[in-house]
Amino acid sequence: MIDEKHNDRMLSHEDMAEYLNCTRKHIYDLISEDPNFPKSYNISKGNKQHARRWFKKDIDDWLRSRQTE
C-alpha cells in the first residue's frame, strides 16, 4: 500500500479514504481517536471554507509506525 512516489503530494479526505481503502467516516474516527494521526493543514483562504489536506509522506510514516505495534 505504501507508495514512495509522490510523497510530497497532499491528500484530501477523499484521497485518503481511497488510499487507505476505508470510508470518510473512518478517517474522521481516526482523526478524533488516534493522537498519533498526522496533522492536517488548512489550504483554503479565510475561515469560510475548510480545505484540509495531509502530506502523503506523513500518512505513510503513520502507517509504518502502526505496522511495528
Protein backbone atom coordinates (compact mmCIF):
# COMPACT_ATOMS: atom_id res chain seq x y z
CA MET A 1 0.00 0.00 0.00
CA ILE A 2 2.82 2.43 0.78
CA ASP A 3 3.91 4.09 -2.42
CA GLU A 4 7.19 6.00 -2.17
CA LYS A 5 6.34 8.07 -5.26
CA HIS A 6 4.73 11.46 -4.80
CA ASN A 7 5.47 11.64 -1.06
CA ASP A 8 5.19 15.43 -1.22
CA ARG A 9 1.64 15.12 -2.56
CA MET A 10 -1.17 16.38 -0.36
CA LEU A 11 -4.24 14.21 0.16
CA SER A 12 -7.84 15.27 0.80
CA HIS A 13 -10.29 13.26 2.92
CA GLU A 14 -11.49 11.56 -0.26
CA ASP A 15 -7.94 10.83 -1.40
CA MET A 16 -7.07 9.34 1.98
CA ALA A 17 -10.19 7.17 2.05
CA GLU A 18 -9.23 5.78 -1.35
CA TYR A 19 -5.54 5.40 -0.43
CA LEU A 20 -6.34 3.64 2.86
CA ASN A 21 -9.28 1.74 1.38
CA CYS A 22 -11.74 2.91 4.02
CA THR A 23 -14.69 5.27 4.40
CA ARG A 24 -14.53 9.00 5.04
CA LYS A 25 -16.20 8.33 8.39
CA HIS A 26 -13.35 6.03 9.34
CA ILE A 27 -10.90 8.85 8.52
CA TYR A 28 -12.84 11.18 10.83
CA ASP A 29 -12.78 8.49 13.54
CA LEU A 30 -9.02 8.13 13.20
CA ILE A 31 -8.58 11.90 13.45
CA SER A 32 -10.59 12.09 16.65
CA GLU A 33 -9.41 8.87 18.31
CA ASP A 34 -5.75 8.40 17.37
CA PRO A 35 -3.45 11.04 18.91
CA ASN A 36 -0.68 9.93 16.54
CA PHE A 37 -2.71 10.51 13.41
CA PRO A 38 -0.86 13.05 11.22
CA LYS A 39 -1.62 16.75 11.42
CA SER A 40 -3.73 18.25 8.65
CA TYR A 41 -3.17 21.62 7.01
CA ASN A 42 -5.83 24.15 6.04
CA ILE A 43 -5.11 25.20 2.47
CA SER A 44 -8.14 27.46 1.98
CA LYS A 45 -8.18 31.22 2.25
CA GLY A 46 -10.01 32.58 5.24
CA ASN A 47 -12.20 30.59 7.58
CA LYS A 48 -15.35 30.20 5.46
CA GLN A 49 -14.21 27.06 3.70
CA HIS A 50 -12.08 24.43 5.36
CA ALA A 51 -9.98 22.60 2.82
CA ARG A 52 -7.90 20.26 4.96
CA ARG A 53 -5.04 18.28 3.43
CA TRP A 54 -2.43 15.81 4.70
CA PHE A 55 1.00 15.16 3.31
CA LYS A 56 1.14 11.66 1.86
CA LYS A 57 4.57 11.18 3.46
CA ASP A 58 3.05 11.82 6.90
CA ILE A 59 0.33 9.23 6.23
CA ASP A 60 2.93 6.71 5.04
CA ASP A 61 5.06 7.34 8.15
CA TRP A 62 1.99 6.88 10.36
CA LEU A 63 1.17 3.59 8.58
CA ARG A 64 4.73 2.35 9.13
CA SER A 65 4.53 3.20 12.83
CA ARG A 66 1.34 1.16 13.13
CA GLN A 67 2.98 -1.85 11.49
CA THR A 68 5.51 -2.04 14.32
CA GLU A 69 2.83 -2.03 17.06
